[in-house]
Protein backbone atom coordinates (compact mmCIF):
# COMPACT_ATOMS: atom_id res chain seq x y z
CA MET A 1 60.01 91.20 124.89
CA ARG A 2 59.58 92.16 121.23
CA ILE A 3 62.68 93.33 119.33
CA LEU A 4 62.86 94.48 115.72
CA SER A 5 66.07 94.11 113.71
CA GLY A 6 67.03 95.65 110.42
CA GLY A 7 70.17 95.85 108.37
CA LEU A 8 71.65 97.85 105.49
CA GLN A 9 75.35 97.32 104.88
CA HIS A 10 77.79 98.78 102.41
CA GLU A 11 81.49 99.62 102.56
CA THR A 12 81.95 102.48 100.10
CA ASN A 13 85.21 103.08 98.27
CA THR A 14 84.92 106.66 97.01
CA PHE A 15 87.88 106.09 94.67
CA ALA A 16 86.07 103.24 92.85
CA VAL A 17 84.52 104.22 89.51
CA THR A 18 81.43 102.00 89.67
CA PRO A 19 78.46 103.43 91.63
CA THR A 20 76.41 101.16 93.88
CA THR A 21 72.78 100.82 92.83
CA LEU A 22 69.58 99.30 94.14
CA ALA A 23 70.14 96.34 91.81
CA ASP A 24 73.45 95.65 93.57
CA PHE A 25 71.72 95.37 96.94
CA GLU A 26 69.01 93.11 95.49
CA ARG A 27 71.56 90.82 93.80
CA ASP A 28 74.14 90.61 96.59
CA SER A 29 71.61 90.00 99.37
CA HIS A 30 70.45 86.70 97.79
CA PHE A 31 66.78 87.30 98.49
CA GLY A 32 65.55 88.02 94.98
CA PRO A 33 62.35 90.00 94.44
CA GLY A 34 60.67 91.35 97.54
CA LEU A 35 63.92 92.12 99.42
CA GLY A 36 63.38 89.30 101.90
CA ASP A 37 60.55 88.75 104.36
CA PRO A 38 61.25 87.95 108.05
CA GLU A 39 61.11 84.17 107.61
CA ARG A 40 63.51 84.22 104.67
CA ILE A 41 65.92 86.32 106.71
CA ARG A 42 65.71 83.81 109.54
CA GLU A 43 66.32 80.91 107.15
CA ARG A 44 69.36 82.54 105.56
CA PHE A 45 71.12 83.61 108.75
CA ARG A 46 70.06 81.08 111.39
CA GLY A 47 73.09 79.07 112.55
CA THR A 48 75.62 81.31 110.75
CA ASN A 49 78.54 83.29 112.15
CA THR A 50 77.04 86.63 111.17
CA ILE A 51 75.53 89.56 113.06
CA HIS A 52 71.99 88.45 112.31
CA GLY A 53 73.00 84.90 113.11
CA GLY A 54 74.05 86.15 116.54
CA TYR A 55 70.81 88.11 116.92
CA LEU A 56 68.76 84.99 116.20
CA LYS A 57 70.80 82.76 118.49
CA ALA A 58 70.55 85.16 121.42
CA ALA A 59 66.84 85.73 120.95
CA GLY A 60 66.23 82.00 120.91
CA GLU A 61 68.31 81.29 124.00
CA LEU A 62 67.04 84.28 125.97
CA GLY A 63 63.40 83.76 124.99
CA PHE A 64 62.76 87.00 123.11
CA ASP A 65 60.54 87.63 120.10
CA LEU A 66 62.95 88.85 117.39
CA VAL A 67 61.39 90.17 114.18
CA PRO A 68 63.97 90.79 111.42
CA VAL A 69 62.22 93.27 109.13
CA LEU A 70 64.97 93.74 106.52
CA ASN A 71 68.63 92.81 106.02
CA LEU A 72 70.34 93.85 102.81
CA ARG A 73 73.91 94.40 101.71
CA ALA A 74 75.79 95.21 98.53
CA TYR A 75 79.35 94.16 97.83
CA PRO A 76 81.79 97.05 98.37
CA SER A 77 82.04 99.41 95.41
CA GLY A 78 81.66 103.10 94.63
CA ILE A 79 79.33 105.71 96.12
CA VAL A 80 75.76 104.55 96.78
CA THR A 81 73.31 106.32 94.53
CA ARG A 82 70.66 108.62 95.97
CA GLU A 83 67.93 106.44 94.48
CA ALA A 84 69.29 103.27 96.09
CA PHE A 85 69.71 104.83 99.53
CA GLU A 86 66.33 106.52 99.61
CA SER A 87 64.53 103.42 98.33
CA LEU A 88 66.17 101.10 100.84
CA VAL A 89 65.80 103.37 103.86
CA SER A 90 62.18 104.05 102.97
CA GLU A 91 61.54 100.31 102.83
CA LEU A 92 63.30 99.79 106.16
CA LEU A 93 61.23 102.50 107.83
CA HIS A 94 58.00 101.18 106.32
CA ARG A 95 58.70 97.71 107.67
CA ILE A 96 59.61 99.04 111.11
CA ARG A 97 56.36 101.04 111.26
CA SER A 98 54.37 97.99 110.18
CA ALA A 99 55.98 95.81 112.86
CA LEU A 100 55.54 98.20 115.78
CA PRO A 101 55.12 98.21 118.74
CA ALA A 102 58.59 97.13 119.82
CA ASP A 103 60.57 97.22 123.05
CA GLY A 104 63.86 97.80 121.24
CA ILE A 105 65.57 98.13 117.86
CA LEU A 106 68.69 96.38 116.57
CA LEU A 107 70.43 97.84 113.51
CA ASP A 108 72.97 95.71 111.62
CA LEU A 109 74.99 98.40 109.79
CA HIS A 110 78.52 98.65 108.43
CA GLY A 111 79.72 102.12 109.32
CA ALA A 112 81.45 103.06 106.06
CA MET A 113 78.54 103.69 103.69
CA VAL A 114 78.84 106.89 101.66
CA THR A 115 76.02 108.12 99.44
CA GLU A 116 75.58 111.01 97.05
CA ASP A 117 74.09 113.01 99.92
CA TYR A 118 75.56 111.59 103.15
CA GLU A 119 79.17 110.98 104.18
CA ASP A 120 78.00 109.09 107.27
CA ALA A 121 74.99 107.27 105.86
CA GLU A 122 74.61 105.14 108.99
CA ALA A 123 74.02 108.21 111.13
CA GLU A 124 71.28 109.27 108.73
CA ILE A 125 69.70 105.80 108.87
CA VAL A 126 69.63 105.87 112.68
CA ARG A 127 68.31 109.45 112.68
CA ARG A 128 65.37 108.43 110.51
CA VAL A 129 64.71 105.32 112.59
CA ARG A 130 64.63 107.54 115.67
CA GLU A 131 61.97 109.70 114.03
CA VAL A 132 59.81 106.59 113.64
CA VAL A 133 60.29 104.93 117.04
CA GLY A 134 61.00 107.97 119.23
CA ASP A 135 63.67 108.56 121.86
CA ALA A 136 62.16 106.22 124.46
CA VAL A 137 62.77 103.04 122.44
CA PRO A 138 66.41 101.91 122.84
CA VAL A 139 68.43 101.47 119.66
CA VAL A 140 71.56 99.29 119.59
CA VAL A 141 73.79 99.46 116.51
CA THR A 142 76.39 96.92 115.41
CA LEU A 143 79.23 98.11 113.16
CA ASP A 144 82.14 96.68 111.20
CA LEU A 145 85.69 97.22 112.47
CA HIS A 146 86.21 99.41 109.37
CA ALA A 147 83.53 101.91 110.32
CA ASN A 148 84.19 105.62 109.83
CA ILE A 149 82.16 107.00 112.72
CA SER A 150 81.12 110.65 112.81
CA PRO A 151 80.24 112.34 116.14
CA LEU A 152 76.53 112.27 115.21
CA LEU A 153 76.10 108.50 115.33
CA PRO A 154 76.93 108.06 119.05
CA GLU A 155 74.46 110.83 119.83
CA LEU A 156 71.67 108.91 118.12
CA ALA A 157 72.32 105.35 119.31
CA ASP A 158 72.04 104.06 122.88
CA ILE A 159 74.86 101.54 122.37
CA ILE A 160 77.29 100.95 119.49
CA ILE A 161 79.09 97.62 119.30
CA GLY A 162 81.89 97.12 116.78
CA PHE A 163 83.59 93.93 115.62
CA ASP A 164 86.67 93.20 117.71
CA THR A 165 88.45 91.10 115.13
CA TYR A 166 89.89 91.40 111.62
CA PRO A 167 89.31 88.94 109.98
CA HIS A 168 85.78 89.35 111.31
CA VAL A 169 85.41 86.00 113.03
CA ASP A 170 83.41 87.43 115.96
CA MET A 171 80.33 88.65 114.07
CA GLY A 172 78.05 86.09 115.70
CA ASP A 173 79.39 86.98 119.15
CA ARG A 174 78.84 90.70 118.59
CA GLY A 175 75.29 90.09 117.41
CA TYR A 176 74.62 88.00 120.52
CA GLU A 177 76.13 90.72 122.72
CA ALA A 178 73.90 93.36 121.11
CA VAL A 179 70.74 91.42 121.96
CA ALA A 180 71.89 90.71 125.50
CA LEU A 181 72.69 94.37 126.21
CA LEU A 182 69.51 95.61 124.57
CA ALA A 183 67.52 93.28 126.81
CA GLN A 184 69.19 94.77 129.90
CA VAL A 185 68.38 98.30 128.72
CA VAL A 186 64.73 97.38 128.12
CA ALA A 187 64.57 95.76 131.55
CA THR A 188 66.14 98.93 133.05
CA THR A 189 68.93 96.90 134.64
CA LEU A 190 71.44 98.79 132.50
CA LYS A 191 71.76 102.53 131.97
CA PRO A 192 74.25 102.90 129.10
CA CYS A 193 76.61 105.86 129.06
CA MET A 194 78.67 105.98 125.86
CA ALA A 195 81.88 107.92 125.19
CA TYR A 196 83.44 108.56 121.77
CA ARG A 197 86.86 109.73 120.58
CA GLN A 198 88.20 110.15 117.06
CA LEU A 199 91.97 109.99 116.76
CA PRO A 200 94.05 111.97 114.23
CA LEU A 201 95.14 108.60 112.88
CA LEU A 202 94.65 106.82 109.56
CA THR A 203 95.50 103.14 109.15
CA LEU A 204 95.56 100.64 106.30
CA PRO A 205 94.05 97.13 106.16
CA PRO A 206 97.12 94.85 106.34
CA MET A 207 98.25 96.08 109.74
CA GLN A 208 94.71 96.42 111.11
CA CYS A 209 94.70 92.62 111.25
CA THR A 210 94.16 91.37 114.80
CA LEU A 211 96.02 88.12 114.07
CA ARG A 212 99.34 89.97 113.86
CA GLU A 213 101.15 92.54 115.95
CA PRO A 214 100.57 95.20 117.03
CA MET A 215 96.79 94.69 116.89
CA SER A 216 96.87 91.20 118.40
CA VAL A 217 98.33 92.62 121.61
CA PHE A 218 96.06 95.67 121.52
CA LEU A 219 93.01 93.38 121.28
CA GLN A 220 94.06 91.84 124.60
CA THR A 221 94.19 95.35 126.05
CA LEU A 222 90.68 96.04 124.78
CA HIS A 223 89.30 92.86 126.32
CA ALA A 224 91.01 93.57 129.64
CA LEU A 225 89.38 97.00 129.74
CA GLU A 226 85.96 95.49 129.01
CA ALA A 227 86.40 93.20 132.00
CA ARG A 228 86.72 96.12 134.43
CA PRO A 229 83.85 96.81 136.83
CA GLY A 230 81.35 99.24 135.40
CA ILE A 231 82.48 98.89 131.76
CA VAL A 232 79.82 97.22 129.62
CA THR A 233 81.53 97.10 126.22
CA ALA A 234 84.23 98.87 124.23
CA SER A 235 85.06 99.04 120.54
CA VAL A 236 87.84 100.28 118.31
CA ALA A 237 86.91 101.14 114.74
CA MET A 238 90.09 101.22 112.69
CA GLY A 239 88.33 103.06 109.87
CA PHE A 240 88.01 102.48 106.14
CA PRO A 241 90.79 104.56 104.55
CA PHE A 242 89.50 104.40 100.97
CA ALA A 243 86.68 106.85 101.67
CA ASP A 244 87.61 110.46 101.06
CA ILE A 245 85.33 111.88 103.76
CA ASP A 246 85.82 114.03 106.82
CA CYS A 247 85.07 111.34 109.42
CA MET A 248 87.46 108.76 107.92
CA GLY A 249 89.87 107.25 110.44
CA VAL A 250 90.25 105.57 113.80
CA THR A 251 87.66 105.99 116.56
CA VAL A 252 87.22 104.42 119.98
CA LEU A 253 84.01 103.87 121.94
CA ALA A 254 83.28 102.74 125.47
CA VAL A 255 79.99 102.11 127.26
CA SER A 256 79.62 102.10 131.02
CA ASP A 257 76.68 101.36 133.28
CA GLY A 258 75.47 104.73 134.49
CA ASP A 259 78.90 106.40 134.78
CA GLN A 260 79.77 108.82 131.96
CA GLU A 261 83.07 109.80 133.55
CA LEU A 262 84.17 106.16 133.65
CA ALA A 263 83.34 105.75 129.95
CA GLU A 264 85.27 108.92 129.08
CA THR A 265 88.30 107.71 131.02
CA ALA A 266 88.17 104.36 129.23
CA VAL A 267 88.14 105.86 125.71
CA ASP A 268 90.98 108.21 126.61
CA GLU A 269 93.06 105.26 127.78
CA LEU A 270 92.33 103.25 124.63
CA ALA A 271 93.10 106.23 122.42
CA GLU A 272 96.48 106.82 124.10
CA GLN A 273 97.50 103.17 123.85
CA LEU A 274 96.51 102.94 120.19
CA TRP A 275 98.24 106.23 119.36
CA ALA A 276 101.47 104.82 120.78
CA LEU A 277 101.33 102.08 118.11
CA LYS A 278 100.92 104.43 115.13
CA GLN A 279 104.34 103.78 113.58
CA GLN A 280 103.85 100.01 113.74
CA LEU A 281 100.57 100.26 111.81
CA GLN A 282 102.21 101.02 108.44
CA PRO A 283 102.58 97.98 106.12
CA GLN A 284 105.61 96.75 104.19
CA LEU A 285 104.77 95.85 100.58
CA VAL A 286 106.34 93.22 98.29
CA THR A 287 106.29 93.00 94.48
CA ILE A 288 105.09 89.88 92.65
CA GLU A 289 108.63 89.36 91.35
CA GLU A 290 109.93 89.33 94.92
CA ALA A 291 107.08 86.97 95.88
CA MET A 292 108.10 84.49 93.18
CA GLN A 293 111.66 84.55 94.48
CA GLU A 294 110.43 84.02 98.06
CA SER A 295 108.26 81.11 96.89
CA ARG A 296 111.23 79.41 95.23
CA GLN A 297 113.10 79.62 98.52
CA THR A 298 110.22 78.63 100.81
CA ASP A 299 109.18 75.12 101.72
CA GLY A 300 105.39 75.33 101.74
CA LEU A 301 102.63 77.65 100.66
CA VAL A 302 103.33 81.34 100.05
CA ILE A 303 100.34 83.69 99.90
CA PHE A 304 100.54 86.98 98.01
CA ALA A 305 97.75 89.15 99.42
CA ASP A 306 96.77 91.35 96.48
CA GLY A 307 94.82 93.80 98.62
CA SER A 308 94.98 96.57 96.01
CA ASP A 309 92.42 94.65 93.94
CA ASN A 310 90.38 93.46 96.92
CA PRO A 311 86.67 93.39 95.97
CA GLY A 312 85.89 93.35 99.67
CA GLY A 313 87.07 96.96 99.72
CA GLY A 314 85.52 98.15 96.48
CA ALA A 315 88.11 97.08 93.89
CA PRO A 316 86.94 95.47 90.61
CA CYS A 317 88.68 92.12 91.26
CA ASP A 318 89.86 91.96 87.67
CA GLY A 319 93.40 93.28 88.08
CA THR A 320 96.09 91.54 86.05
CA VAL A 321 99.44 92.80 87.33
CA ALA A 322 100.30 89.70 89.38
CA LEU A 323 98.76 87.28 86.86
CA SER A 324 100.66 88.83 83.96
CA ALA A 325 104.02 88.47 85.75
CA LEU A 326 103.29 84.86 86.72
CA VAL A 327 102.24 83.91 83.19
CA GLU A 328 105.30 85.58 81.69
CA ALA A 329 107.49 83.60 84.12
CA GLY A 330 105.56 80.36 83.51
CA PHE A 331 105.41 79.97 87.29
CA ALA A 332 104.01 76.46 87.66
CA GLY A 333 102.30 75.89 90.98
CA ALA A 334 100.89 79.42 91.08
CA VAL A 335 97.16 80.07 91.40
CA VAL A 336 95.33 83.41 91.16
CA ALA A 337 91.96 83.57 92.92
CA THR A 338 89.62 85.06 92.08
CA LEU A 339 89.46 87.19 88.93
CA CYS A 340 86.02 88.46 87.96
CA ASP A 341 85.39 88.40 84.20
CA PRO A 342 81.88 87.20 83.22
CA GLU A 343 82.69 87.56 79.52
CA ALA A 344 85.69 85.24 79.78
CA VAL A 345 83.66 82.70 81.77
CA LYS A 346 81.00 82.61 79.04
CA LEU A 347 83.65 81.89 76.40
CA ALA A 348 85.14 79.14 78.58
CA VAL A 349 81.72 77.56 79.12
CA ARG A 350 81.07 77.67 75.38
CA ALA A 351 84.41 75.99 74.70
CA GLY A 352 83.93 73.30 77.37
CA GLU A 353 86.24 71.51 79.80
CA GLY A 354 89.53 70.43 78.25
CA ALA A 355 89.31 72.91 75.39
CA GLU A 356 91.79 75.60 74.42
CA VAL A 357 90.27 79.06 74.15
CA ARG A 358 91.51 82.49 73.13
CA LEU A 359 90.56 85.10 75.72
CA SER A 360 90.82 88.77 76.53
CA LEU A 361 91.14 88.47 80.29
CA GLY A 362 90.73 91.03 83.06
CA ALA A 363 91.22 94.80 83.44
CA LYS A 364 87.88 95.66 81.88
CA VAL A 365 86.35 97.86 84.61
CA ASP A 366 89.00 100.60 84.75
CA ASP A 367 92.65 101.26 83.86
CA LEU A 368 93.90 101.29 87.45
CA HIS A 369 94.63 97.59 87.96
CA GLY A 370 96.73 96.53 84.97
CA ASP A 371 96.08 95.81 81.31
CA THR A 372 93.77 93.30 79.66
CA LEU A 373 95.66 90.09 78.84
CA HIS A 374 95.18 88.40 75.47
CA VAL A 375 95.95 84.76 76.13
CA GLU A 376 95.49 81.16 75.08
CA ALA A 377 93.97 79.29 78.01
CA ARG A 378 93.02 75.69 78.70
CA VAL A 379 89.69 75.15 80.46
CA LEU A 380 90.46 72.81 83.37
CA LYS A 381 87.07 72.85 85.12
CA LEU A 382 83.69 74.55 85.00
CA SER A 383 81.34 74.96 87.97
CA ASP A 384 78.30 76.92 89.15
CA GLY A 385 80.45 78.62 91.81
CA ASN A 386 78.05 77.83 94.66
CA PHE A 387 79.69 77.27 98.05
CA VAL A 388 79.15 77.34 101.80
CA PHE A 389 81.61 79.18 104.03
CA GLY A 390 83.52 76.57 106.01
CA GLY A 391 86.04 78.82 107.73
CA ALA A 392 85.54 80.79 110.91
CA MET A 393 84.37 83.89 109.09
CA ALA A 394 80.68 83.64 108.06
CA CYS A 395 80.75 79.89 108.73
CA GLY A 396 77.61 78.16 107.47
CA LEU A 397 76.49 80.98 105.15
CA GLU A 398 75.66 80.03 101.57
CA ASP A 399 77.09 82.17 98.77
CA THR A 400 78.05 82.04 95.11
CA MET A 401 80.76 83.20 92.72
CA GLY A 402 78.40 82.64 89.80
CA ASP A 403 79.45 80.51 86.85
CA THR A 404 83.15 79.85 87.36
CA ALA A 405 85.98 78.61 85.16
CA LEU A 406 89.36 77.29 86.25
CA LEU A 407 91.80 78.19 83.50
CA GLU A 408 95.46 77.34 82.94
CA ILE A 409 97.68 79.84 81.17
CA ASN A 410 101.34 78.86 80.59
CA GLY A 411 101.27 76.66 83.70
CA VAL A 412 99.50 79.23 85.90
CA ARG A 413 95.97 78.49 87.11
CA VAL A 414 93.42 81.26 87.58
CA VAL A 415 89.92 81.02 89.05
CA VAL A 416 87.69 83.22 86.88
CA THR A 417 84.24 84.09 88.20
CA SER A 418 81.06 85.78 87.04
CA VAL A 419 80.40 87.47 90.40
CA ARG A 420 82.89 89.78 92.11
CA LYS A 421 83.81 88.03 95.34
CA GLN A 422 86.67 88.24 97.84
CA CYS A 423 88.39 84.85 98.06
CA ILE A 424 88.42 84.38 101.84
CA ASP A 425 87.42 80.73 102.21
CA ARG A 426 89.11 77.55 101.00
CA ASN A 427 85.76 76.21 99.82
CA MET A 428 85.78 78.91 97.15
CA ILE A 429 88.80 77.50 95.36
CA ARG A 430 87.77 73.93 96.15
CA VAL A 431 84.48 74.20 94.24
CA ALA A 432 86.46 75.74 91.39
CA GLY A 433 88.73 72.67 91.23
CA VAL A 434 91.81 73.73 93.21
CA GLU A 435 93.14 71.78 96.17
CA LEU A 436 95.42 73.81 98.39
CA ASP A 437 98.12 71.13 98.58
CA THR A 438 98.75 71.55 94.83
CA VAL A 439 99.62 75.26 95.19
CA SER A 440 103.01 76.78 95.97
CA LEU A 441 102.23 80.47 95.37
CA LEU A 442 98.65 81.64 95.92
CA VAL A 443 97.60 85.13 94.82
CA LEU A 444 94.43 86.12 96.67
CA LYS A 445 92.39 89.23 95.89
CA SER A 446 92.08 89.97 99.59
CA ALA A 447 93.81 92.14 102.17
CA VAL A 448 93.26 90.31 105.48
CA HIS A 449 90.05 88.27 105.65
CA PHE A 450 91.68 85.28 103.93
CA ARG A 451 93.88 84.78 107.00
CA ALA A 452 90.99 83.30 108.99
CA ASP A 453 90.80 80.21 106.77
CA TYR A 454 93.96 80.16 104.61
CA GLY A 455 96.38 81.56 107.16
CA PRO A 456 97.08 78.34 109.13
CA TYR A 457 98.18 76.61 105.90
CA ALA A 458 100.65 79.28 104.79
CA SER A 459 104.38 79.21 105.46
CA LEU A 460 104.68 82.84 104.45
CA ILE A 461 102.20 85.67 103.80
CA LEU A 462 103.23 88.76 101.83
CA ASP A 463 101.37 92.06 101.41
CA ALA A 464 101.30 92.90 97.72
CA ASP A 465 102.86 95.93 96.06
CA THR A 466 100.35 96.27 93.20
CA PRO A 467 98.29 99.21 91.91
CA GLY A 468 94.60 99.74 92.61
CA VAL A 469 91.81 101.53 94.45
CA HIS A 470 92.45 99.48 97.61
CA ARG A 471 96.23 99.82 97.60
CA PRO A 472 97.57 99.95 101.18
CA ASP A 473 99.59 103.09 100.55
CA PHE A 474 98.32 106.58 101.36
CA ASN A 475 100.64 108.06 98.74
CA GLY A 476 98.52 106.45 96.04
CA PHE A 477 95.46 108.62 96.79
CA ASP A 478 94.65 112.30 96.47
CA TYR A 479 92.56 113.03 99.55
CA GLN A 480 90.47 116.19 99.24
CA ASN A 481 88.89 116.36 102.69
CA ASN A 482 90.71 118.72 105.02
CA ARG A 483 90.80 116.51 108.10
CA SER A 484 92.86 113.69 106.54
CA GLN A 485 95.73 116.09 105.86
CA LYS A 486 95.97 116.71 109.61
CA CYS A 487 96.14 113.00 110.52
CA TYR A 488 99.10 110.67 110.90
CA PRO A 489 100.78 109.47 108.67
CA LEU A 490 99.80 112.15 106.11
CA ASN A 491 100.88 114.61 108.80
CA LEU A 492 103.87 113.10 110.59
CA PHE A 493 103.64 115.83 113.24
CA ALA A 494 100.02 115.13 114.19
CA GLU A 495 99.33 115.09 117.92
CA LEU A 496 96.73 113.35 120.03
CA SER A 497 94.65 116.04 121.75
């Protein structure tokens, strides 16, 4: 059995001011020139807890010939340019054509890519792939939990499999599942029937987390439904709320073996159970001043999840609101990680470890995340920022923060990087020179993903009340698409039809 796999992933924040270009995909995919040949893709993802890692593991164990033709991603940011999208999709299609024939196609997509021309870019990718391979070749698509799924995508794909967890610790499992189900379709032992429902419901990242209620209990409900006779797989996409598009919001999917009515019944049941939780899915936010007070009263580590400046959702990762308050208070024991400011890192490198340096720090991308700080900082440590994920999410994958400086400003330490990166793994602060047992209050530019690795070490986790393009507060955004105004909680009287 010969299976082709391809991937293009981007989570687009339409409120972010920086567009996403072809250069961003080339840089963030770590392949350099040539966009990665099959063997380089295998080398990068083999043995990792990623979708393509799961593809490769399943193919090896089940004895299939898997040919990964392309797998590229760009870190979340603004709308993907027309040039970038057309160039990348053209390359994907060219490589698929060159690798044919194939018994099946796997597509490792995100589900929340928005381009200058397409609100649901993934549906357009699958449509074009279908034109190349035809309707007879089965196509299985894997999506992020934050996918915004339009009705067109389920019409084009044979099976859609979404991540179950947030933090996304099940990526490898979902990739493995995709290969296993595709093999059954090719062997004609499975006839997939897929049902789709979009709820009039918008949710925000903090409470989408499947490590906390109500989603932890709902995840058990999802798994129980999947275990029923005739149900092959089911997914809940909680949506990416920072995309001002018509298909933004919560969707549910279910796939049965040859029974469309059974699949429809399953999605209706999931939709009703999730709708009943709508009031519990709204977060409670805490200011940095309140977080400092909580830290003084808490024995152990307090984490302040500064999701408003989360680069994993398109924010610039150079916001200064929390850092400014900590520095003003001289809050010893506090660490901010990470703040992206390549210019400041260069000045720190030039000054050297142990030196004092005058810096203009942060808030250089836009005026939505605080003001630039003009500070005297001591350079505690310099590093190349290279690390390997050690936590459950993306375990084994190599990555980099670029040249990195650990600075101390009035007793507060801040990890300053050259590459915008969500601080979700303890190895990221470790390579920068911070050991977790020396921290009392940790400000992380992350909404939820940090919980997979940092969470077990925290006595208290607080969702931050800070400004930004990833702020978990619908009142902070002016949505222009008509559908969002009809959805809960923007419309408190919305009803599930």
